[in-house]
């Protein structure tokens, strides 16, 4: 469980579903919480510095902007090269996620990456480009057929 101050918890609860879509969203958040804008910004900076919050950024509803194909590319990477290859693959702007997972019986893949494109062809092109760059030929592409749920971690409101 995260060790959060009351101010940190209130700020995270207030922004976990998004920030206000207005010219000065931090001013509105500050007003709503009875804080100064500077306190809001400094608190978020501290949360990021302390790794209590991993990132602060926009989350795009990709299907609404024309990105309709999700491909998980699974790679068979030699165990001793996973960190190096994972970092190289993560550097591709098309890759949104990159995880190491344990191999399973009858499943030799240990590196999982996610790309989002407008077509399967674009996904296949980026997979081939990554493969050429990192020198790993053993991979498979798994495509999403339906999205059932997509949410981040939620802090309960008290």
N, C-alpha and C. Protein backbone atom coordinates (compact mmCIF):
# COMPACT_ATOMS: atom_id res chain seq x y z
N UNK A 1 0.84 -1.18 0.00
CA UNK A 1 0.00 0.00 0.00
C UNK A 1 0.88 1.24 0.00
N UNK A 2 0.51 2.22 -0.76
CA UNK A 2 1.26 3.47 -0.81
C UNK A 2 1.14 4.24 0.50
N UNK A 3 2.25 4.78 0.94
CA UNK A 3 2.25 5.65 2.12
C UNK A 3 2.05 7.08 1.63
N UNK A 4 0.80 7.55 1.69
CA UNK A 4 0.45 8.88 1.18
C UNK A 4 0.00 9.79 2.30
N UNK A 5 0.39 11.06 2.20
CA UNK A 5 -0.16 12.06 3.11
C UNK A 5 -1.60 12.32 2.69
N UNK A 6 -2.35 12.96 3.55
CA UNK A 6 -3.74 13.27 3.22
C UNK A 6 -3.81 14.18 1.99
N UNK A 7 -2.89 15.15 1.89
CA UNK A 7 -2.87 16.05 0.73
C UNK A 7 -2.58 15.26 -0.55
N UNK A 8 -1.61 14.35 -0.50
CA UNK A 8 -1.27 13.54 -1.68
C UNK A 8 -2.47 12.68 -2.09
N UNK A 9 -3.10 12.04 -1.11
CA UNK A 9 -4.24 11.19 -1.42
C UNK A 9 -5.37 11.99 -2.06
N UNK A 10 -5.69 13.17 -1.50
CA UNK A 10 -6.76 14.01 -2.06
C UNK A 10 -6.42 14.44 -3.49
N UNK A 11 -5.17 14.79 -3.72
CA UNK A 11 -4.75 15.22 -5.06
C UNK A 11 -4.88 14.07 -6.05
N UNK A 12 -4.43 12.88 -5.67
CA UNK A 12 -4.52 11.74 -6.57
C UNK A 12 -5.97 11.34 -6.84
N UNK A 13 -6.80 11.35 -5.82
CA UNK A 13 -8.22 11.03 -6.01
C UNK A 13 -8.86 12.06 -6.95
N UNK A 14 -8.52 13.33 -6.77
CA UNK A 14 -9.11 14.41 -7.58
C UNK A 14 -8.70 14.33 -9.05
N UNK A 15 -7.56 13.72 -9.33
CA UNK A 15 -7.05 13.72 -10.72
C UNK A 15 -6.99 12.33 -11.35
N UNK A 16 -7.37 11.29 -10.64
CA UNK A 16 -7.21 9.94 -11.19
C UNK A 16 -8.11 9.66 -12.39
N UNK A 17 -9.19 10.40 -12.54
CA UNK A 17 -10.05 10.23 -13.71
C UNK A 17 -9.77 11.28 -14.78
N UNK A 18 -8.72 12.07 -14.58
CA UNK A 18 -8.34 13.08 -15.56
C UNK A 18 -8.29 14.46 -14.93
N UNK A 19 -7.63 15.35 -15.62
CA UNK A 19 -7.56 16.73 -15.17
C UNK A 19 -8.61 17.53 -15.94
N UNK A 20 -9.07 18.63 -15.38
CA UNK A 20 -10.08 19.44 -16.07
C UNK A 20 -9.57 19.92 -17.43
N UNK A 21 -10.44 19.88 -18.42
CA UNK A 21 -10.08 20.34 -19.75
C UNK A 21 -10.34 21.84 -19.84
N UNK A 22 -9.41 22.59 -19.33
CA UNK A 22 -9.50 24.05 -19.37
C UNK A 22 -8.09 24.62 -19.44
N UNK A 23 -8.03 25.94 -19.65
CA UNK A 23 -6.75 26.60 -19.88
C UNK A 23 -5.76 26.39 -18.74
N UNK A 24 -6.20 26.47 -17.50
CA UNK A 24 -5.32 26.33 -16.33
C UNK A 24 -5.86 25.25 -15.40
N UNK A 25 -5.72 23.98 -15.79
CA UNK A 25 -6.32 22.91 -14.98
C UNK A 25 -5.78 22.82 -13.56
N UNK A 26 -4.49 23.15 -13.36
CA UNK A 26 -3.94 23.05 -12.01
C UNK A 26 -4.52 24.11 -11.08
N UNK A 27 -4.90 25.26 -11.64
CA UNK A 27 -5.56 26.28 -10.82
C UNK A 27 -6.91 25.78 -10.33
N UNK A 28 -7.66 25.14 -11.21
CA UNK A 28 -8.98 24.60 -10.82
C UNK A 28 -8.81 23.51 -9.77
N UNK A 29 -7.88 22.61 -9.98
CA UNK A 29 -7.63 21.54 -8.99
C UNK A 29 -7.28 22.16 -7.65
N UNK A 30 -6.40 23.15 -7.67
CA UNK A 30 -5.98 23.82 -6.44
C UNK A 30 -7.18 24.44 -5.72
N UNK A 31 -8.02 25.17 -6.48
CA UNK A 31 -9.22 25.79 -5.88
C UNK A 31 -10.12 24.72 -5.26
N UNK A 32 -10.35 23.65 -6.01
CA UNK A 32 -11.24 22.58 -5.52
C UNK A 32 -10.73 21.94 -4.24
N UNK A 33 -9.41 21.88 -4.08
CA UNK A 33 -8.81 21.21 -2.92
C UNK A 33 -8.39 22.18 -1.82
N UNK A 34 -8.55 23.48 -2.07
CA UNK A 34 -8.14 24.47 -1.08
C UNK A 34 -6.63 24.58 -0.95
N UNK A 35 -5.93 24.39 -2.07
CA UNK A 35 -4.47 24.48 -2.11
C UNK A 35 -4.07 25.59 -3.05
N UNK A 36 -2.80 25.94 -3.04
CA UNK A 36 -2.29 26.86 -4.05
C UNK A 36 -1.90 26.05 -5.29
N UNK A 37 -1.87 26.72 -6.42
CA UNK A 37 -1.44 26.06 -7.65
C UNK A 37 -0.03 25.51 -7.48
N UNK A 38 0.83 26.29 -6.83
CA UNK A 38 2.21 25.86 -6.60
C UNK A 38 2.26 24.58 -5.77
N UNK A 39 1.39 24.47 -4.76
CA UNK A 39 1.35 23.26 -3.93
C UNK A 39 0.97 22.04 -4.76
N UNK A 40 0.00 22.22 -5.66
CA UNK A 40 -0.43 21.11 -6.52
C UNK A 40 0.74 20.65 -7.39
N UNK A 41 1.41 21.59 -8.04
CA UNK A 41 2.52 21.25 -8.94
C UNK A 41 3.67 20.63 -8.16
N UNK A 42 4.03 21.22 -7.03
CA UNK A 42 5.14 20.69 -6.22
C UNK A 42 4.82 19.31 -5.67
N UNK A 43 3.56 19.09 -5.28
CA UNK A 43 3.18 17.78 -4.76
C UNK A 43 3.30 16.73 -5.86
N UNK A 44 2.83 17.05 -7.06
CA UNK A 44 2.96 16.09 -8.16
C UNK A 44 4.43 15.84 -8.50
N UNK A 45 5.25 16.87 -8.51
CA UNK A 45 6.68 16.68 -8.77
C UNK A 45 7.29 15.74 -7.74
N UNK A 46 6.95 15.94 -6.48
CA UNK A 46 7.49 15.09 -5.41
C UNK A 46 7.01 13.65 -5.57
N UNK A 47 5.73 13.46 -5.89
CA UNK A 47 5.19 12.12 -6.10
C UNK A 47 5.93 11.40 -7.23
N UNK A 48 6.25 12.15 -8.28
CA UNK A 48 7.02 11.57 -9.39
C UNK A 48 8.45 11.27 -8.95
N UNK A 49 9.09 12.20 -8.27
CA UNK A 49 10.47 12.01 -7.81
C UNK A 49 10.59 10.81 -6.86
N UNK A 50 9.57 10.61 -6.03
CA UNK A 50 9.59 9.52 -5.05
C UNK A 50 9.05 8.21 -5.63
N UNK A 51 8.73 8.22 -6.93
CA UNK A 51 8.18 7.05 -7.63
C UNK A 51 6.87 6.56 -7.02
N UNK A 52 6.15 7.44 -6.38
CA UNK A 52 4.80 7.10 -5.92
C UNK A 52 3.83 7.19 -7.08
N UNK A 53 4.17 8.03 -8.05
CA UNK A 53 3.45 8.14 -9.31
C UNK A 53 4.49 7.91 -10.39
N UNK A 54 4.19 7.00 -11.30
CA UNK A 54 5.16 6.64 -12.33
C UNK A 54 5.21 7.66 -13.46
N UNK A 55 4.06 8.17 -13.84
CA UNK A 55 4.03 9.14 -14.92
C UNK A 55 2.79 10.01 -14.78
N UNK A 56 2.85 11.16 -15.42
CA UNK A 56 1.71 12.07 -15.47
C UNK A 56 1.59 12.46 -16.93
N UNK A 57 0.50 12.05 -17.57
CA UNK A 57 0.37 12.36 -18.99
C UNK A 57 -1.03 12.07 -19.48
N UNK A 58 -1.22 12.35 -20.74
CA UNK A 58 -2.52 12.14 -21.37
C UNK A 58 -2.70 10.67 -21.71
N UNK A 59 -3.93 10.23 -21.62
CA UNK A 59 -4.29 8.89 -22.04
C UNK A 59 -5.31 9.06 -23.17
N UNK A 60 -4.93 8.62 -24.34
CA UNK A 60 -5.75 8.82 -25.53
C UNK A 60 -6.68 7.62 -25.75
N UNK A 61 -7.92 7.89 -26.05
CA UNK A 61 -8.85 6.83 -26.46
C UNK A 61 -8.50 6.50 -27.91
N UNK A 62 -7.55 5.57 -28.07
CA UNK A 62 -6.93 5.36 -29.38
C UNK A 62 -7.92 4.99 -30.48
N UNK A 63 -8.95 4.24 -30.17
CA UNK A 63 -9.92 3.86 -31.21
C UNK A 63 -10.67 5.09 -31.75
N UNK A 64 -10.87 6.08 -30.88
CA UNK A 64 -11.59 7.29 -31.29
C UNK A 64 -10.76 8.19 -32.19
N UNK A 65 -9.44 7.99 -32.21
CA UNK A 65 -8.58 8.80 -33.08
C UNK A 65 -8.05 7.99 -34.26
N UNK A 66 -8.68 6.84 -34.54
CA UNK A 66 -8.34 6.08 -35.73
C UNK A 66 -7.29 5.00 -35.56
N UNK A 67 -6.82 4.78 -34.35
CA UNK A 67 -5.85 3.71 -34.12
C UNK A 67 -6.65 2.50 -33.65
N UNK A 68 -6.93 1.60 -34.58
CA UNK A 68 -7.90 0.55 -34.30
C UNK A 68 -7.31 -0.85 -34.14
N UNK A 69 -6.00 -1.00 -34.35
CA UNK A 69 -5.39 -2.33 -34.27
C UNK A 69 -4.35 -2.33 -33.15
N UNK A 70 -4.51 -3.28 -32.24
CA UNK A 70 -3.54 -3.49 -31.16
C UNK A 70 -2.86 -4.82 -31.41
N UNK A 71 -1.55 -4.82 -31.39
CA UNK A 71 -0.81 -6.08 -31.55
C UNK A 71 0.14 -6.25 -30.38
N UNK A 72 0.03 -7.41 -29.74
CA UNK A 72 1.04 -7.78 -28.77
C UNK A 72 2.05 -8.63 -29.54
N UNK A 73 3.28 -8.16 -29.53
CA UNK A 73 4.34 -8.91 -30.20
C UNK A 73 5.12 -9.61 -29.10
N UNK A 74 5.18 -10.93 -29.18
CA UNK A 74 5.89 -11.72 -28.18
C UNK A 74 7.19 -12.21 -28.80
N UNK A 75 8.27 -12.07 -28.06
CA UNK A 75 9.62 -12.33 -28.57
C UNK A 75 10.30 -13.43 -27.77
N UNK A 76 11.04 -14.28 -28.47
CA UNK A 76 11.87 -15.30 -27.83
C UNK A 76 13.29 -14.75 -27.78
N UNK A 77 13.63 -14.14 -26.64
CA UNK A 77 14.91 -13.46 -26.47
C UNK A 77 15.78 -14.29 -25.52
N UNK A 78 17.05 -14.53 -25.87
CA UNK A 78 17.92 -15.23 -24.91
C UNK A 78 17.87 -14.53 -23.55
N UNK A 79 17.72 -15.31 -22.49
CA UNK A 79 17.54 -14.75 -21.15
C UNK A 79 18.60 -13.73 -20.79
N UNK A 80 19.84 -14.00 -21.17
CA UNK A 80 20.94 -13.09 -20.80
C UNK A 80 20.91 -11.78 -21.59
N UNK A 81 20.05 -11.69 -22.61
CA UNK A 81 19.96 -10.48 -23.44
C UNK A 81 18.67 -9.70 -23.22
N UNK A 82 17.80 -10.18 -22.33
CA UNK A 82 16.47 -9.57 -22.18
C UNK A 82 16.55 -8.08 -21.84
N UNK A 83 17.40 -7.71 -20.89
CA UNK A 83 17.48 -6.29 -20.50
C UNK A 83 17.94 -5.42 -21.66
N UNK A 84 18.98 -5.84 -22.33
CA UNK A 84 19.52 -5.07 -23.45
C UNK A 84 18.51 -4.97 -24.59
N UNK A 85 17.94 -6.10 -24.99
CA UNK A 85 16.98 -6.11 -26.09
C UNK A 85 15.70 -5.36 -25.69
N UNK A 86 15.26 -5.55 -24.44
CA UNK A 86 14.06 -4.85 -23.96
C UNK A 86 14.23 -3.35 -24.04
N UNK A 87 15.40 -2.85 -23.66
CA UNK A 87 15.65 -1.40 -23.73
C UNK A 87 15.65 -0.92 -25.18
N UNK A 88 16.24 -1.70 -26.08
CA UNK A 88 16.25 -1.31 -27.50
C UNK A 88 14.83 -1.26 -28.05
N UNK A 89 14.05 -2.30 -27.76
CA UNK A 89 12.67 -2.34 -28.27
C UNK A 89 11.85 -1.21 -27.66
N UNK A 90 12.06 -0.94 -26.37
CA UNK A 90 11.32 0.15 -25.71
C UNK A 90 11.60 1.50 -26.32
N UNK A 91 12.74 1.65 -26.97
CA UNK A 91 13.10 2.95 -27.56
C UNK A 91 12.29 3.26 -28.82
N UNK A 92 11.62 2.28 -29.38
CA UNK A 92 10.78 2.54 -30.55
C UNK A 92 9.53 3.30 -30.11
N UNK A 93 9.25 4.43 -30.73
CA UNK A 93 8.10 5.24 -30.31
C UNK A 93 6.78 4.50 -30.52
N UNK A 94 6.75 3.54 -31.41
CA UNK A 94 5.52 2.79 -31.66
C UNK A 94 5.19 1.81 -30.53
N UNK A 95 6.16 1.49 -29.69
CA UNK A 95 5.96 0.52 -28.60
C UNK A 95 5.44 1.25 -27.36
N UNK A 96 4.26 0.85 -26.90
CA UNK A 96 3.68 1.50 -25.72
C UNK A 96 3.99 0.74 -24.44
N UNK A 97 4.20 -0.55 -24.52
CA UNK A 97 4.48 -1.38 -23.35
C UNK A 97 5.56 -2.39 -23.72
N UNK A 98 6.40 -2.71 -22.75
CA UNK A 98 7.42 -3.74 -22.96
C UNK A 98 7.67 -4.42 -21.62
N UNK A 99 7.37 -5.71 -21.54
CA UNK A 99 7.47 -6.46 -20.29
C UNK A 99 8.23 -7.76 -20.50
N UNK A 100 9.00 -8.14 -19.49
CA UNK A 100 9.57 -9.49 -19.45
C UNK A 100 8.58 -10.36 -18.68
N UNK A 101 8.34 -11.55 -19.20
CA UNK A 101 7.47 -12.53 -18.54
C UNK A 101 8.20 -13.87 -18.52
N UNK A 102 7.89 -14.71 -17.54
CA UNK A 102 8.55 -16.02 -17.51
C UNK A 102 8.09 -16.90 -18.67
N UNK A 103 9.00 -17.70 -19.15
CA UNK A 103 8.64 -18.68 -20.18
C UNK A 103 7.76 -19.75 -19.54
N UNK A 104 6.90 -20.35 -20.32
CA UNK A 104 6.03 -21.43 -19.85
C UNK A 104 6.25 -22.65 -20.74
N UNK A 105 5.82 -23.79 -20.25
CA UNK A 105 5.90 -25.01 -21.05
C UNK A 105 5.14 -24.78 -22.35
N UNK A 106 5.76 -25.11 -23.45
CA UNK A 106 5.16 -24.93 -24.78
C UNK A 106 4.94 -23.46 -25.16
N UNK A 107 5.61 -22.54 -24.46
CA UNK A 107 5.51 -21.11 -24.77
C UNK A 107 6.88 -20.50 -24.51
N UNK A 108 7.67 -20.36 -25.57
CA UNK A 108 9.07 -19.94 -25.43
C UNK A 108 9.27 -18.43 -25.37
N UNK A 109 8.20 -17.67 -25.40
CA UNK A 109 8.34 -16.22 -25.48
C UNK A 109 8.49 -15.61 -24.09
N UNK A 110 9.41 -14.67 -23.97
CA UNK A 110 9.68 -14.07 -22.66
C UNK A 110 9.68 -12.55 -22.67
N UNK A 111 9.52 -11.93 -23.83
CA UNK A 111 9.45 -10.47 -23.90
C UNK A 111 8.17 -10.11 -24.65
N UNK A 112 7.35 -9.26 -24.03
CA UNK A 112 6.03 -8.93 -24.57
C UNK A 112 5.99 -7.43 -24.83
N UNK A 113 5.63 -7.06 -26.05
CA UNK A 113 5.54 -5.64 -26.41
C UNK A 113 4.18 -5.36 -27.03
N UNK A 114 3.75 -4.12 -26.91
CA UNK A 114 2.45 -3.74 -27.45
C UNK A 114 2.63 -2.58 -28.41
N UNK A 115 1.99 -2.69 -29.58
CA UNK A 115 1.97 -1.59 -30.53
C UNK A 115 0.52 -1.33 -30.94
N UNK A 116 0.25 -0.10 -31.29
CA UNK A 116 -1.10 0.33 -31.69
C UNK A 116 -0.95 1.06 -33.02
N UNK A 117 -1.63 0.58 -34.05
CA UNK A 117 -1.53 1.17 -35.38
C UNK A 117 -2.92 1.20 -36.02
N UNK A 118 -2.96 1.72 -37.25
CA UNK A 118 -4.22 1.81 -37.97
C UNK A 118 -4.56 0.53 -38.72
N UNK A 119 -3.57 -0.34 -38.95
CA UNK A 119 -3.82 -1.57 -39.70
C UNK A 119 -2.88 -2.67 -39.24
N UNK A 120 -3.27 -3.92 -39.55
CA UNK A 120 -2.39 -5.05 -39.26
C UNK A 120 -1.09 -4.92 -40.04
N UNK A 121 -1.19 -4.41 -41.26
CA UNK A 121 0.01 -4.25 -42.09
C UNK A 121 1.02 -3.33 -41.41
N UNK A 122 0.54 -2.23 -40.84
CA UNK A 122 1.44 -1.31 -40.13
C UNK A 122 2.07 -1.99 -38.92
N UNK A 123 1.28 -2.80 -38.21
CA UNK A 123 1.83 -3.54 -37.06
C UNK A 123 2.91 -4.51 -37.52
N UNK A 124 2.65 -5.20 -38.62
CA UNK A 124 3.62 -6.17 -39.13
C UNK A 124 4.90 -5.47 -39.61
N UNK A 125 4.74 -4.30 -40.20
CA UNK A 125 5.92 -3.53 -40.64
C UNK A 125 6.79 -3.12 -39.46
N UNK A 126 6.17 -2.63 -38.39
CA UNK A 126 6.97 -2.21 -37.24
C UNK A 126 7.60 -3.41 -36.56
N UNK A 127 6.89 -4.55 -36.52
CA UNK A 127 7.48 -5.76 -35.93
C UNK A 127 8.72 -6.18 -36.72
N UNK A 128 8.63 -6.13 -38.04
CA UNK A 128 9.78 -6.50 -38.87
C UNK A 128 10.93 -5.51 -38.68
N UNK A 129 10.60 -4.24 -38.57
CA UNK A 129 11.63 -3.22 -38.34
C UNK A 129 12.34 -3.46 -37.00
N UNK A 130 11.56 -3.75 -35.97
CA UNK A 130 12.15 -4.04 -34.66
C UNK A 130 13.01 -5.28 -34.74
N UNK A 131 12.49 -6.32 -35.37
CA UNK A 131 13.23 -7.57 -35.52
C UNK A 131 14.57 -7.34 -36.20
N UNK A 132 14.56 -6.58 -37.28
CA UNK A 132 15.81 -6.28 -38.00
C UNK A 132 16.78 -5.51 -37.12
N UNK A 133 16.26 -4.56 -36.34
CA UNK A 133 17.11 -3.71 -35.50
C UNK A 133 17.76 -4.49 -34.36
N UNK A 134 16.99 -5.37 -33.72
CA UNK A 134 17.51 -6.07 -32.53
C UNK A 134 18.06 -7.45 -32.83
N UNK A 135 17.84 -7.94 -34.05
CA UNK A 135 18.39 -9.24 -34.44
C UNK A 135 17.67 -10.43 -33.82
N UNK A 136 16.39 -10.28 -33.53
CA UNK A 136 15.58 -11.38 -32.99
C UNK A 136 14.53 -11.73 -34.04
N UNK A 137 14.61 -12.97 -34.57
CA UNK A 137 13.68 -13.41 -35.61
C UNK A 137 12.49 -14.19 -35.06
N UNK A 138 12.63 -14.70 -33.84
CA UNK A 138 11.57 -15.52 -33.27
C UNK A 138 10.56 -14.65 -32.54
N UNK A 139 9.45 -14.39 -33.21
CA UNK A 139 8.37 -13.62 -32.59
C UNK A 139 7.04 -14.01 -33.19
N UNK A 140 5.99 -13.72 -32.46
CA UNK A 140 4.62 -13.94 -32.92
C UNK A 140 3.83 -12.67 -32.64
N UNK A 141 2.77 -12.48 -33.42
CA UNK A 141 1.91 -11.32 -33.23
C UNK A 141 0.52 -11.77 -32.82
N UNK A 142 0.05 -11.21 -31.73
CA UNK A 142 -1.27 -11.53 -31.20
C UNK A 142 -2.10 -10.25 -31.28
N UNK A 143 -3.25 -10.33 -31.93
CA UNK A 143 -4.08 -9.15 -32.14
C UNK A 143 -5.28 -9.13 -31.20
N UNK A 144 -5.60 -7.95 -30.69
CA UNK A 144 -6.80 -7.79 -29.87
C UNK A 144 -8.02 -7.93 -30.77
N UNK A 145 -9.03 -8.60 -30.25
CA UNK A 145 -10.27 -8.69 -31.01
C UNK A 145 -11.38 -7.86 -30.37
N UNK A 146 -11.28 -7.65 -29.04
CA UNK A 146 -12.26 -6.82 -28.35
C UNK A 146 -11.64 -6.29 -27.06
N UNK A 147 -11.98 -5.05 -26.72
CA UNK A 147 -11.53 -4.45 -25.47
C UNK A 147 -12.67 -4.53 -24.47
N UNK A 148 -12.43 -5.23 -23.37
CA UNK A 148 -13.46 -5.40 -22.36
C UNK A 148 -13.38 -4.34 -21.27
N UNK A 149 -12.17 -4.00 -20.88
CA UNK A 149 -12.01 -3.03 -19.80
C UNK A 149 -10.63 -2.41 -19.92
N UNK A 150 -10.56 -1.12 -19.63
CA UNK A 150 -9.28 -0.43 -19.64
C UNK A 150 -9.33 0.66 -18.58
N UNK A 151 -8.69 0.38 -17.45
CA UNK A 151 -8.64 1.37 -16.38
C UNK A 151 -7.28 1.32 -15.72
N UNK A 152 -6.94 2.38 -15.06
CA UNK A 152 -5.72 2.41 -14.26
C UNK A 152 -6.04 2.05 -12.82
N UNK A 153 -5.04 2.08 -11.99
CA UNK A 153 -5.23 1.84 -10.57
C UNK A 153 -6.04 2.99 -9.98
N UNK A 154 -6.99 2.68 -9.15
CA UNK A 154 -7.84 3.71 -8.53
C UNK A 154 -7.59 3.74 -7.03
N UNK A 155 -7.49 4.93 -6.49
CA UNK A 155 -7.39 5.12 -5.04
C UNK A 155 -8.81 5.32 -4.54
N UNK A 156 -9.25 4.51 -3.59
CA UNK A 156 -10.64 4.64 -3.12
C UNK A 156 -10.90 5.99 -2.47
N UNK A 157 -12.06 6.53 -2.77
CA UNK A 157 -12.49 7.77 -2.09
C UNK A 157 -12.97 7.37 -0.70
N UNK A 158 -12.66 8.18 0.27
CA UNK A 158 -13.06 7.84 1.65
C UNK A 158 -14.43 8.36 1.97
